[in-house]
Amino acid sequence: MLRAAKTVVEEYAATTQNHRWPPKPPLHSDKATTLVKNTHVTKRRRFLNERRQALNDVVSRRRESFSGNDDSELAELELELLLLLLLLVETLIAILFNSNYGVNILQNSALPDGTNGWTPLGNCTLSVATGSLQTRSEPHERLSGNYILMMNRIQAWNGPSQKITNKVKMFLTYQVSAWVRSGHNGSGPQKVEVALSVDGQWMNGGQTEIEDDLWHEISGSFRIENQPAREVMVYVQGPVSGVDLMVAGLQIFAVDRAAQFRHLKKQTEKIQKRDVVLKFTGPGASGVAGTC
């Protein structure tokens, strides 16, 4: 089994060594023209098709080499298992390299199109108003000043929602960011959180506690690992029933954790290499200094 696996993998690697994954578009791909987007998608689809065809060709040649062998049935089973394994690897490669890191996956996040893309979760009223913060929500765009206003909430989980099933991928970490505020009709601390429903299972995406009428930022992250989800929905819930909820600048974007780790490592190494100057003051310490 291991020898067969080694042979197939080596032949497959030799066949595809000149294949190059098409480079990703600029970070702010939403500013690109439709033609550029379509061309890029076509190139990536062609790349994946070429890889799959190469894999099929390798497996076909291996099958032919087993013809007339008494152990042909066992060899056939081995090849099927290898095929599944390599297809899994190809899928993971496609997921990792076809990810638009830093691109907001939510539709109508800045609300230029009113309530388009957003639906009220539960029996409540959803509308768009103006007057939120206009600060920059790093590392992304400046807030538009528009916000979602949820009124007539009869349950704590009533809030704005949006389905993102086809926009999230397994094994990727997603960063969540939003600005929230509770209405004047509440009393005491109010907890507000961004939540996700993954096939009916609740997942926390970040939360904050509000005790005033100011805007508060929520930040968090999530990752789907168990299985490809049939339905993923993001929504904002809290405060308690009867209290209005305001949401501005909700964003969800994939994060390149490996790149972040490399960046932090470089920053740490720079700090470690710096000279530290120690100066002592007090009786008997005049003129005493040292460098580490």
C-alpha atoms as a PDB file:
ATOM      1  CA  MET A   1       0.000   0.000   0.000  1.00  0.00           C
ATOM      2  CA  LEU A   2       2.732   2.468   0.966  1.00  0.00           C
ATOM      3  CA  ARG A   3       4.790   1.588  -2.106  1.00  0.00           C
ATOM      4  CA  ALA A   4       1.768   2.110  -4.360  1.00  0.00           C
ATOM      5  CA  ALA A   5       1.039   5.402  -2.642  1.00  0.00           C
ATOM      6  CA  LYS A   6       4.638   6.559  -3.092  1.00  0.00           C
ATOM      7  CA  THR A   7       4.571   5.679  -6.802  1.00  0.00           C
ATOM      8  CA  VAL A   8       1.293   7.482  -7.472  1.00  0.00           C
ATOM      9  CA  VAL A   9       2.285  10.581  -5.512  1.00  0.00           C
ATOM     10  CA  GLU A  10       5.690  10.825  -7.224  1.00  0.00           C
ATOM     11  CA  GLU A  11       4.203  10.453 -10.694  1.00  0.00           C
ATOM     12  CA  TYR A  12       1.448  12.948  -9.902  1.00  0.00           C
ATOM     13  CA  ALA A  13       3.963  15.468  -8.532  1.00  0.00           C
ATOM     14  CA  ALA A  14       6.162  15.120 -11.622  1.00  0.00           C
ATOM     15  CA  THR A  15       3.174  15.632 -13.910  1.00  0.00           C
ATOM     16  CA  THR A  16       1.955  18.768 -12.147  1.00  0.00           C
ATOM     17  CA  GLN A  17       5.275  20.379 -11.178  1.00  0.00           C
ATOM     18  CA  ASN A  18       4.866  23.083 -13.838  1.00  0.00           C
ATOM     19  CA  HIS A  19       1.303  23.937 -12.831  1.00  0.00           C
ATOM     20  CA  ARG A  20       1.073  27.316 -11.161  1.00  0.00           C
ATOM     21  CA  TRP A  21      -1.908  28.559  -9.192  1.00  0.00           C
ATOM     22  CA  PRO A  22      -3.145  31.827 -10.756  1.00  0.00           C
ATOM     23  CA  PRO A  23      -2.223  34.815  -8.564  1.00  0.00           C
ATOM     24  CA  LYS A  24      -4.926  36.313  -6.397  1.00  0.00           C
ATOM     25  CA  PRO A  25      -6.547  39.626  -7.425  1.00  0.00           C
ATOM     26  CA  PRO A  26      -5.888  42.815  -5.418  1.00  0.00           C
ATOM     27  CA  LEU A  27      -7.104  42.797  -1.807  1.00  0.00           C
ATOM     28  CA  HIS A  28      -9.989  45.150  -2.552  1.00  0.00           C
ATOM     29  CA  SER A  29     -11.327  42.928  -5.331  1.00  0.00           C
ATOM     30  CA  ASP A  30     -14.748  44.555  -5.108  1.00  0.00           C
ATOM     31  CA  LYS A  31     -13.234  47.510  -6.977  1.00  0.00           C
ATOM     32  CA  ALA A  32     -12.175  45.357  -9.912  1.00  0.00           C
ATOM     33  CA  THR A  33     -14.254  45.240 -13.066  1.00  0.00           C
ATOM     34  CA  THR A  34     -16.595  42.359 -13.777  1.00  0.00           C
ATOM     35  CA  LEU A  35     -14.403  41.301 -16.702  1.00  0.00           C
ATOM     36  CA  VAL A  36     -11.306  41.002 -14.506  1.00  0.00           C
ATOM     37  CA  LYS A  37     -13.223  38.992 -11.900  1.00  0.00           C
ATOM     38  CA  ASN A  38     -14.643  36.576 -14.467  1.00  0.00           C
ATOM     39  CA  THR A  39     -11.247  36.097 -16.119  1.00  0.00           C
ATOM     40  CA  HIS A  40      -9.611  35.320 -12.768  1.00  0.00           C
ATOM     41  CA  VAL A  41     -12.301  32.781 -11.828  1.00  0.00           C
ATOM     42  CA  THR A  42     -11.976  31.108 -15.232  1.00  0.00           C
ATOM     43  CA  LYS A  43      -8.197  30.749 -14.808  1.00  0.00           C
ATOM     44  CA  ARG A  44      -8.573  29.119 -11.403  1.00  0.00           C
ATOM     45  CA  ARG A  45     -11.234  26.724 -12.632  1.00  0.00           C
ATOM     46  CA  ARG A  46      -8.992  25.754 -15.537  1.00  0.00           C
ATOM     47  CA  PHE A  47      -6.110  25.195 -13.099  1.00  0.00           C
ATOM     48  CA  LEU A  48      -8.168  22.871 -10.885  1.00  0.00           C
ATOM     49  CA  ASN A  49      -9.504  20.985 -13.896  1.00  0.00           C
ATOM     50  CA  GLU A  50      -5.956  20.436 -15.164  1.00  0.00           C
ATOM     51  CA  ARG A  51      -4.879  19.105 -11.758  1.00  0.00           C
ATOM     52  CA  ARG A  52      -7.828  16.739 -11.564  1.00  0.00           C
ATOM     53  CA  GLN A  53      -7.238  15.509 -15.105  1.00  0.00           C
ATOM     54  CA  ALA A  54      -3.583  14.871 -14.300  1.00  0.00           C
ATOM     55  CA  LEU A  55      -4.626  12.872 -11.253  1.00  0.00           C
ATOM     56  CA  ASN A  56      -7.077  10.814 -13.294  1.00  0.00           C
ATOM     57  CA  ASP A  57      -4.388  10.108 -15.904  1.00  0.00           C
ATOM     58  CA  VAL A  58      -1.960   8.872 -13.247  1.00  0.00           C
ATOM     59  CA  VAL A  59      -4.562   6.584 -11.696  1.00  0.00           C
ATOM     60  CA  SER A  60      -5.530   5.233 -15.130  1.00  0.00           C
ATOM     61  CA  ARG A  61      -1.923   4.362 -15.947  1.00  0.00           C
ATOM     62  CA  ARG A  62      -1.524   2.638 -12.590  1.00  0.00           C
ATOM     63  CA  ARG A  63      -4.666   0.597 -13.218  1.00  0.00           C
ATOM     64  CA  GLU A  64      -3.307  -0.587 -16.563  1.00  0.00           C
ATOM     65  CA  SER A  65      -0.061  -1.674 -14.912  1.00  0.00           C
ATOM     66  CA  PHE A  66      -2.031  -3.999 -12.633  1.00  0.00           C
ATOM     67  CA  SER A  67      -3.796  -5.837 -15.482  1.00  0.00           C
ATOM     68  CA  GLY A  68      -3.250  -9.591 -15.291  1.00  0.00           C
ATOM     69  CA  ASN A  69      -2.050  -9.380 -11.699  1.00  0.00           C
ATOM     70  CA  ASP A  70      -3.580 -11.872  -9.268  1.00  0.00           C
ATOM     71  CA  ASP A  71      -3.830  -9.123  -6.719  1.00  0.00           C
ATOM     72  CA  SER A  72      -5.617  -6.775  -9.117  1.00  0.00           C
ATOM     73  CA  GLU A  73      -8.658  -6.412  -6.862  1.00  0.00           C
ATOM     74  CA  LEU A  74      -6.515  -5.381  -3.920  1.00  0.00           C
ATOM     75  CA  ALA A  75      -4.556  -3.017  -6.125  1.00  0.00           C
ATOM     76  CA  GLU A  76      -7.824  -1.509  -7.367  1.00  0.00           C
ATOM     77  CA  LEU A  77      -8.908  -0.877  -3.797  1.00  0.00           C
ATOM     78  CA  GLU A  78      -5.563   0.722  -3.002  1.00  0.00           C
ATOM     79  CA  LEU A  79      -5.900   3.061  -5.956  1.00  0.00           C
ATOM     80  CA  GLU A  80      -9.413   4.059  -4.973  1.00  0.00           C
ATOM     81  CA  LEU A  81      -8.194   4.926  -1.489  1.00  0.00           C
ATOM     82  CA  LEU A  82      -5.289   6.897  -2.915  1.00  0.00           C
ATOM     83  CA  LEU A  83      -7.632   8.721  -5.240  1.00  0.00           C
ATOM     84  CA  LEU A  84      -9.806   9.794  -2.339  1.00  0.00           C
ATOM     85  CA  LEU A  85      -6.748  10.881  -0.371  1.00  0.00           C
ATOM     86  CA  LEU A  86      -5.291  12.958  -3.185  1.00  0.00           C
ATOM     87  CA  LEU A  87      -8.644  14.543  -3.994  1.00  0.00           C
ATOM     88  CA  LEU A  88      -8.893  15.561  -0.351  1.00  0.00           C
ATOM     89  CA  VAL A  89      -5.457  17.154  -0.539  1.00  0.00           C
ATOM     90  CA  GLU A  90      -6.449  18.965  -3.728  1.00  0.00           C
ATOM     91  CA  THR A  91      -9.590  20.261  -2.044  1.00  0.00           C
ATOM     92  CA  LEU A  92      -7.616  21.581   0.922  1.00  0.00           C
ATOM     93  CA  ILE A  93      -5.147  23.271  -1.426  1.00  0.00           C
ATOM     94  CA  ALA A  94      -8.020  24.887  -3.302  1.00  0.00           C
ATOM     95  CA  ILE A  95      -9.556  26.128  -0.055  1.00  0.00           C
ATOM     96  CA  LEU A  96      -6.326  27.598   1.269  1.00  0.00           C
ATOM     97  CA  PHE A  97      -5.151  29.253  -1.948  1.00  0.00           C
ATOM     98  CA  ASN A  98      -8.560  30.370  -3.206  1.00  0.00           C
ATOM     99  CA  SER A  99      -9.322  32.413  -0.096  1.00  0.00           C
ATOM    100  CA  ASN A 100      -9.690  36.168  -0.376  1.00  0.00           C
ATOM    101  CA  TYR A 101      -8.114  37.130   2.910  1.00  0.00           C
ATOM    102  CA  GLY A 102      -9.304  40.449   4.286  1.00  0.00           C
ATOM    103  CA  VAL A 103     -12.336  40.751   1.986  1.00  0.00           C
ATOM    104  CA  ASN A 104     -15.672  41.316   3.720  1.00  0.00           C
ATOM    105  CA  ILE A 105     -18.038  38.461   2.777  1.00  0.00           C
ATOM    106  CA  LEU A 106     -21.247  40.161   3.927  1.00  0.00           C
ATOM    107  CA  GLN A 107     -23.626  41.657   1.393  1.00  0.00           C
ATOM    108  CA  ASN A 108     -24.576  45.335   1.747  1.00  0.00           C
ATOM    109  CA  SER A 109     -22.469  45.734   4.877  1.00  0.00           C
ATOM    110  CA  ALA A 110     -22.314  49.547   4.660  1.00  0.00           C
ATOM    111  CA  LEU A 111     -26.062  49.645   3.850  1.00  0.00           C
ATOM    112  CA  PRO A 112     -25.941  51.737   0.637  1.00  0.00           C
ATOM    113  CA  ASP A 113     -28.813  49.581  -0.672  1.00  0.00           C
ATOM    114  CA  GLY A 114     -31.070  49.953   2.341  1.00  0.00           C
ATOM    115  CA  THR A 115     -32.129  46.664   3.899  1.00  0.00           C
ATOM    116  CA  ASN A 116     -31.168  44.570   0.858  1.00  0.00           C
ATOM    117  CA  GLY A 117     -29.518  41.315   1.973  1.00  0.00           C
ATOM    118  CA  TRP A 118     -30.682  41.660   5.580  1.00  0.00           C
ATOM    119  CA  THR A 119     -33.697  40.000   7.186  1.00  0.00           C
ATOM    120  CA  PRO A 120     -35.153  40.331  10.687  1.00  0.00           C
ATOM    121  CA  LEU A 121     -34.687  37.246  12.833  1.00  0.00           C
ATOM    122  CA  GLY A 122     -37.948  36.679  14.642  1.00  0.00           C
ATOM    123  CA  ASN A 123     -40.945  38.954  15.017  1.00  0.00           C
ATOM    124  CA  CYS A 124     -39.365  42.419  14.941  1.00  0.00           C
ATOM    125  CA  THR A 125     -38.953  45.441  12.664  1.00  0.00           C
ATOM    126  CA  LEU A 126     -35.784  46.055  10.617  1.00  0.00           C
ATOM    127  CA  SER A 127     -34.968  49.416   9.041  1.00  0.00           C
ATOM    128  CA  VAL A 128     -31.938  51.512   8.063  1.00  0.00           C
ATOM    129  CA  ALA A 129     -31.189  54.862   9.686  1.00  0.00           C
ATOM    130  CA  THR A 130     -28.370  57.424   9.539  1.00  0.00           C
ATOM    131  CA  GLY A 131     -26.275  58.807  12.352  1.00  0.00           C
ATOM    132  CA  SER A 132     -23.800  56.136  13.437  1.00  0.00           C
ATOM    133  CA  LEU A 133     -20.064  56.509  13.877  1.00  0.00           C
ATOM    134  CA  GLN A 134     -18.019  57.335  10.802  1.00  0.00           C
ATOM    135  CA  THR A 135     -14.669  56.274  12.215  1.00  0.00           C
ATOM    136  CA  ARG A 136     -12.395  53.891  10.350  1.00  0.00           C
ATOM    137  CA  SER A 137     -12.839  50.252  11.356  1.00  0.00           C
ATOM    138  CA  GLU A 138      -9.296  48.986  10.798  1.00  0.00           C
ATOM    139  CA  PRO A 139      -8.135  47.367   8.630  1.00  0.00           C
ATOM    140  CA  HIS A 140     -11.165  48.039   6.458  1.00  0.00           C
ATOM    141  CA  GLU A 141     -13.259  50.850   5.083  1.00  0.00           C
ATOM    142  CA  ARG A 142     -14.535  53.892   6.940  1.00  0.00           C
ATOM    143  CA  LEU A 143     -18.000  53.423   8.418  1.00  0.00           C
ATOM    144  CA  SER A 144     -20.696  54.945   6.231  1.00  0.00           C
ATOM    145  CA  GLY A 145     -22.793  56.535   8.968  1.00  0.00           C
ATOM    146  CA  ASN A 146     -25.701  54.179   8.199  1.00  0.00           C
ATOM    147  CA  TYR A 147     -26.891  51.606  10.697  1.00  0.00           C
ATOM    148  CA  ILE A 148     -29.499  48.885  11.095  1.00  0.00           C
ATOM    149  CA  LEU A 149     -32.257  49.730  13.561  1.00  0.00           C
ATOM    150  CA  MET A 150     -34.163  46.861  15.157  1.00  0.00           C
ATOM    151  CA  MET A 151     -37.412  47.803  16.897  1.00  0.00           C
ATOM    152  CA  ASN A 152     -40.410  46.002  18.400  1.00  0.00           C
ATOM    153  CA  ARG A 153     -38.189  43.174  19.626  1.00  0.00           C
ATOM    154  CA  ILE A 154     -40.083  40.616  21.693  1.00  0.00           C
ATOM    155  CA  GLN A 155     -37.185  38.171  22.215  1.00  0.00           C
ATOM    156  CA  ALA A 156     -33.552  38.737  23.185  1.00  0.00           C
ATOM    157  CA  TRP A 157     -32.426  36.911  20.019  1.00  0.00           C
ATOM    158  CA  ASN A 158     -34.391  39.212  17.682  1.00  0.00           C
ATOM    159  CA  GLY A 159     -31.977  41.066  15.404  1.00  0.00           C
ATOM    160  CA  PRO A 160     -30.615  41.477  11.860  1.00  0.00           C
ATOM    161  CA  SER A 161     -29.502  38.316  10.066  1.00  0.00           C
ATOM    162  CA  GLN A 162     -27.883  37.243   6.802  1.00  0.00           C
ATOM    163  CA  LYS A 163     -27.160  33.808   5.334  1.00  0.00           C
ATOM    164  CA  ILE A 164     -23.511  33.224   4.391  1.00  0.00           C
ATOM    165  CA  THR A 165     -23.580  29.486   3.638  1.00  0.00           C
ATOM    166  CA  ASN A 166     -21.741  29.659   0.310  1.00  0.00           C
ATOM    167  CA  LYS A 167     -19.268  32.293   1.500  1.00  0.00           C
ATOM    168  CA  VAL A 168     -17.565  30.526   4.410  1.00  0.00           C
ATOM    169  CA  LYS A 169     -15.085  27.669   4.036  1.00  0.00           C
ATOM    170  CA  MET A 170     -13.964  24.941   6.378  1.00  0.00           C
ATOM    171  CA  PHE A 171     -10.676  25.256   8.288  1.00  0.00           C
ATOM    172  CA  LEU A 172     -10.412  29.019   7.732  1.00  0.00           C
ATOM    173  CA  THR A 173     -10.476  31.484  10.616  1.00  0.00           C
ATOM    174  CA  TYR A 174     -12.873  34.397  10.153  1.00  0.00           C
ATOM    175  CA  GLN A 175     -12.596  37.716  11.949  1.00  0.00           C
ATOM    176  CA  VAL A 176     -15.816  39.452  13.053  1.00  0.00           C
ATOM    177  CA  SER A 177     -16.148  43.198  13.595  1.00  0.00           C
ATOM    178  CA  ALA A 178     -19.176  45.421  14.298  1.00  0.00           C
ATOM    179  CA  TRP A 179     -20.336  48.543  16.127  1.00  0.00           C
ATOM    180  CA  VAL A 180     -23.458  48.230  18.276  1.00  0.00           C
ATOM    181  CA  ARG A 181     -25.628  50.391  20.483  1.00  0.00           C
ATOM    182  CA  SER A 182     -28.759  49.818  22.566  1.00  0.00           C
ATOM    183  CA  GLY A 183     -31.824  52.045  22.610  1.00  0.00           C
ATOM    184  CA  HIS A 184     -32.814  54.530  25.299  1.00  0.00           C
ATOM    185  CA  ASN A 185     -35.650  52.227  26.338  1.00  0.00           C
ATOM    186  CA  GLY A 186     -33.298  49.894  28.224  1.00  0.00           C
ATOM    187  CA  SER A 187     -32.071  50.007  31.814  1.00  0.00           C
ATOM    188  CA  GLY A 188     -28.934  48.476  33.282  1.00  0.00           C
ATOM    189  CA  PRO A 189     -26.130  46.651  31.437  1.00  0.00           C
ATOM    190  CA  GLN A 190     -27.165  45.093  28.120  1.00  0.00           C
ATOM    191  CA  LYS A 191     -25.201  42.255  26.495  1.00  0.00           C
ATOM    192  CA  VAL A 192     -25.003  42.324  22.697  1.00  0.00           C
ATOM    193  CA  GLU A 193     -23.267  39.674  20.618  1.00  0.00           C
ATOM    194  CA  VAL A 194     -22.655  38.593  17.058  1.00  0.00           C
ATOM    195  CA  ALA A 195     -23.713  34.960  16.746  1.00  0.00           C
ATOM    196  CA  LEU A 196     -23.724  32.306  14.060  1.00  0.00           C
ATOM    197  CA  SER A 197     -26.140  29.486  13.427  1.00  0.00           C
ATOM    198  CA  VAL A 198     -24.312  26.563  11.789  1.00  0.00           C
ATOM    199  CA  ASP A 199     -26.840  23.895  10.827  1.00  0.00           C
ATOM    200  CA  GLY A 200     -28.937  24.977  13.795  1.00  0.00           C
ATOM    201  CA  GLN A 201     -26.021  24.967  16.258  1.00  0.00           C
ATOM    202  CA  TRP A 202     -25.168  28.276  17.956  1.00  0.00           C
ATOM    203  CA  MET A 203     -21.635  29.729  17.759  1.00  0.00           C
ATOM    204  CA  ASN A 204     -20.329  32.931  19.361  1.00  0.00           C
ATOM    205  CA  GLY A 205     -18.631  35.465  17.081  1.00  0.00           C
ATOM    206  CA  GLY A 206     -17.906  38.178  19.640  1.00  0.00           C
ATOM    207  CA  GLN A 207     -19.771  40.124  22.320  1.00  0.00           C
ATOM    208  CA  THR A 208     -19.772  43.269  24.446  1.00  0.00           C
ATOM    209  CA  GLU A 209     -21.698  44.791  27.340  1.00  0.00           C
ATOM    210  CA  ILE A 210     -23.380  48.192  27.026  1.00  0.00           C
ATOM    211  CA  GLU A 211     -24.232  50.443  29.964  1.00  0.00           C
ATOM    212  CA  ASP A 212     -24.693  53.770  28.151  1.00  0.00           C
ATOM    213  CA  ASP A 213     -26.053  55.227  24.905  1.00  0.00           C
ATOM    214  CA  LEU A 214     -22.677  55.201  23.127  1.00  0.00           C
ATOM    215  CA  TRP A 215     -21.459  53.005  20.268  1.00  0.00           C
ATOM    216  CA  HIS A 216     -19.382  49.989  21.309  1.00  0.00           C
ATOM    217  CA  GLU A 217     -17.182  47.808  19.109  1.00  0.00           C
ATOM    218  CA  ILE A 218     -17.542  44.031  18.960  1.00  0.00           C
ATOM    219  CA  SER A 219     -14.659  41.895  17.726  1.00  0.00           C
ATOM    220  CA  GLY A 220     -14.277  38.139  17.668  1.00  0.00           C
ATOM    221  CA  SER A 221     -13.566  35.170  15.440  1.00  0.00           C
ATOM    222  CA  PHE A 222     -14.894  31.764  14.485  1.00  0.00           C
ATOM    223  CA  ARG A 223     -13.862  28.679  12.552  1.00  0.00           C
ATOM    224  CA  ILE A 224     -15.905  25.813  11.065  1.00  0.00           C
ATOM    225  CA  GLU A 225     -14.124  22.462  11.339  1.00  0.00           C
ATOM    226  CA  ASN A 226     -16.516  19.545  11.791  1.00  0.00           C
ATOM    227  CA  GLN A 227     -18.129  19.253   8.361  1.00  0.00           C
ATOM    228  CA  PRO A 228     -19.253  21.342   5.377  1.00  0.00           C
ATOM    229  CA  ALA A 229     -22.253  23.249   6.694  1.00  0.00           C
ATOM    230  CA  ARG A 230     -25.604  23.052   4.926  1.00  0.00           C
ATOM    231  CA  GLU A 231     -26.669  26.446   6.283  1.00  0.00           C
ATOM    232  CA  VAL A 232     -24.689  29.195   7.988  1.00  0.00           C
ATOM    233  CA  MET A 233     -26.380  32.363   9.199  1.00  0.00           C
ATOM    234  CA  VAL A 234     -24.901  35.340  11.025  1.00  0.00           C
ATOM    235  CA  TYR A 235     -27.070  37.471  13.272  1.00  0.00           C
ATOM    236  CA  VAL A 236     -26.816  40.005  16.089  1.00  0.00           C
ATOM    237  CA  GLN A 237     -28.729  39.357  19.302  1.00  0.00           C
ATOM    238  CA  GLY A 238     -29.364  41.108  22.615  1.00  0.00           C
ATOM    239  CA  PRO A 239     -30.195  43.326  24.423  1.00  0.00           C
ATOM    240  CA  VAL A 240     -33.237  42.076  26.328  1.00  0.00           C
ATOM    241  CA  SER A 241     -36.672  42.068  24.716  1.00  0.00           C
ATOM    242  CA  GLY A 242     -38.300  45.459  24.307  1.00  0.00           C
ATOM    243  CA  VAL A 243     -34.992  47.310  23.908  1.00  0.00           C
ATOM    244  CA  ASP A 244     -34.053  48.682  20.478  1.00  0.00           C
ATOM    245  CA  LEU A 245     -30.831  47.451  18.870  1.00  0.00           C
ATOM    246  CA  MET A 246     -28.566  49.367  16.469  1.00  0.00           C
ATOM    247  CA  VAL A 247     -25.827  47.725  14.367  1.00  0.00           C
ATOM    248  CA  ALA A 248     -23.277  49.448  12.103  1.00  0.00           C
ATOM    249  CA  GLY A 249     -20.386  48.207   9.967  1.00  0.00           C
ATOM    250  CA  LEU A 250     -20.796  44.470  10.564  1.00  0.00           C
ATOM    251  CA  GLN A 251     -17.959  42.716   8.717  1.00  0.00           C
ATOM    252  CA  ILE A 252     -16.721  39.138   8.401  1.00  0.00           C
ATOM    253  CA  PHE A 253     -13.463  38.359   6.616  1.00  0.00           C
ATOM    254  CA  ALA A 254     -11.037  35.442   6.371  1.00  0.00           C
ATOM    255  CA  VAL A 255      -7.739  35.786   8.225  1.00  0.00           C
ATOM    256  CA  ASP A 256      -4.407  34.342   7.079  1.00  0.00           C
ATOM    257  CA  ARG A 257      -3.228  33.003  10.433  1.00  0.00           C
ATOM    258  CA  ALA A 258       0.095  31.790   9.020  1.00  0.00           C
ATOM    259  CA  ALA A 259       0.903  35.252   7.670  1.00  0.00           C
ATOM    260  CA  GLN A 260      -0.099  36.813  10.986  1.00  0.00           C
ATOM    261  CA  PHE A 261       2.189  34.436  12.873  1.00  0.00           C
ATOM    262  CA  ARG A 262       5.113  35.242  10.558  1.00  0.00           C
ATOM    263  CA  HIS A 263       4.512  38.965  11.030  1.00  0.00           C
ATOM    264  CA  LEU A 264       4.352  38.660  14.824  1.00  0.00           C
ATOM    265  CA  LYS A 265       7.495  36.527  14.821  1.00  0.00           C
ATOM    266  CA  LYS A 266       9.386  39.169  12.834  1.00  0.00           C
ATOM    267  CA  GLN A 267       8.183  41.908  15.162  1.00  0.00           C
ATOM    268  CA  THR A 268       9.267  39.853  18.180  1.00  0.00           C
ATOM    269  CA  GLU A 269      12.712  39.254  16.677  1.00  0.00           C
ATOM    270  CA  LYS A 270      13.140  42.996  16.058  1.00  0.00           C
ATOM    271  CA  ILE A 271      12.327  43.765  19.675  1.00  0.00           C
ATOM    272  CA  GLN A 272      14.672  41.040  20.931  1.00  0.00           C
ATOM    273  CA  LYS A 273      17.568  42.485  18.913  1.00  0.00           C
ATOM    274  CA  ARG A 274      17.160  46.023  20.224  1.00  0.00           C
ATOM    275  CA  ASP A 275      19.652  47.429  22.705  1.00  0.00           C
ATOM    276  CA  VAL A 276      18.215  48.211  26.123  1.00  0.00           C
ATOM    277  CA  VAL A 277      19.794  51.149  27.962  1.00  0.00           C
ATOM    278  CA  LEU A 278      19.518  51.095  31.752  1.00  0.00           C
ATOM    279  CA  LYS A 279      19.961  54.296  33.735  1.00  0.00           C
ATOM    280  CA  PHE A 280      20.068  54.337  37.530  1.00  0.00           C
ATOM    281  CA  THR A 281      19.168  57.299  39.669  1.00  0.00           C
ATOM    282  CA  GLY A 282      19.499  57.876  43.381  1.00  0.00           C
ATOM    283  CA  PRO A 283      22.277  58.057  45.979  1.00  0.00           C
ATOM    284  CA  GLY A 284      25.500  56.538  44.768  1.00  0.00           C
ATOM    285  CA  ALA A 285      24.188  55.958  41.234  1.00  0.00           C
ATOM    286  CA  SER A 286      25.582  59.079  39.604  1.00  0.00           C
ATOM    287  CA  GLY A 287      26.882  58.409  36.131  1.00  0.00           C
ATOM    288  CA  VAL A 288      25.997  54.722  36.242  1.00  0.00           C
ATOM    289  CA  ALA A 289      24.531  53.373  32.997  1.00  0.00           C
ATOM    290  CA  GLY A 290      24.574  50.141  31.109  1.00  0.00           C
ATOM    291  CA  THR A 291      23.544  48.562  27.822  1.00  0.00           C
ATOM    292  CA  CYS A 292      22.097  45.072  27.414  1.00  0.00           C
END
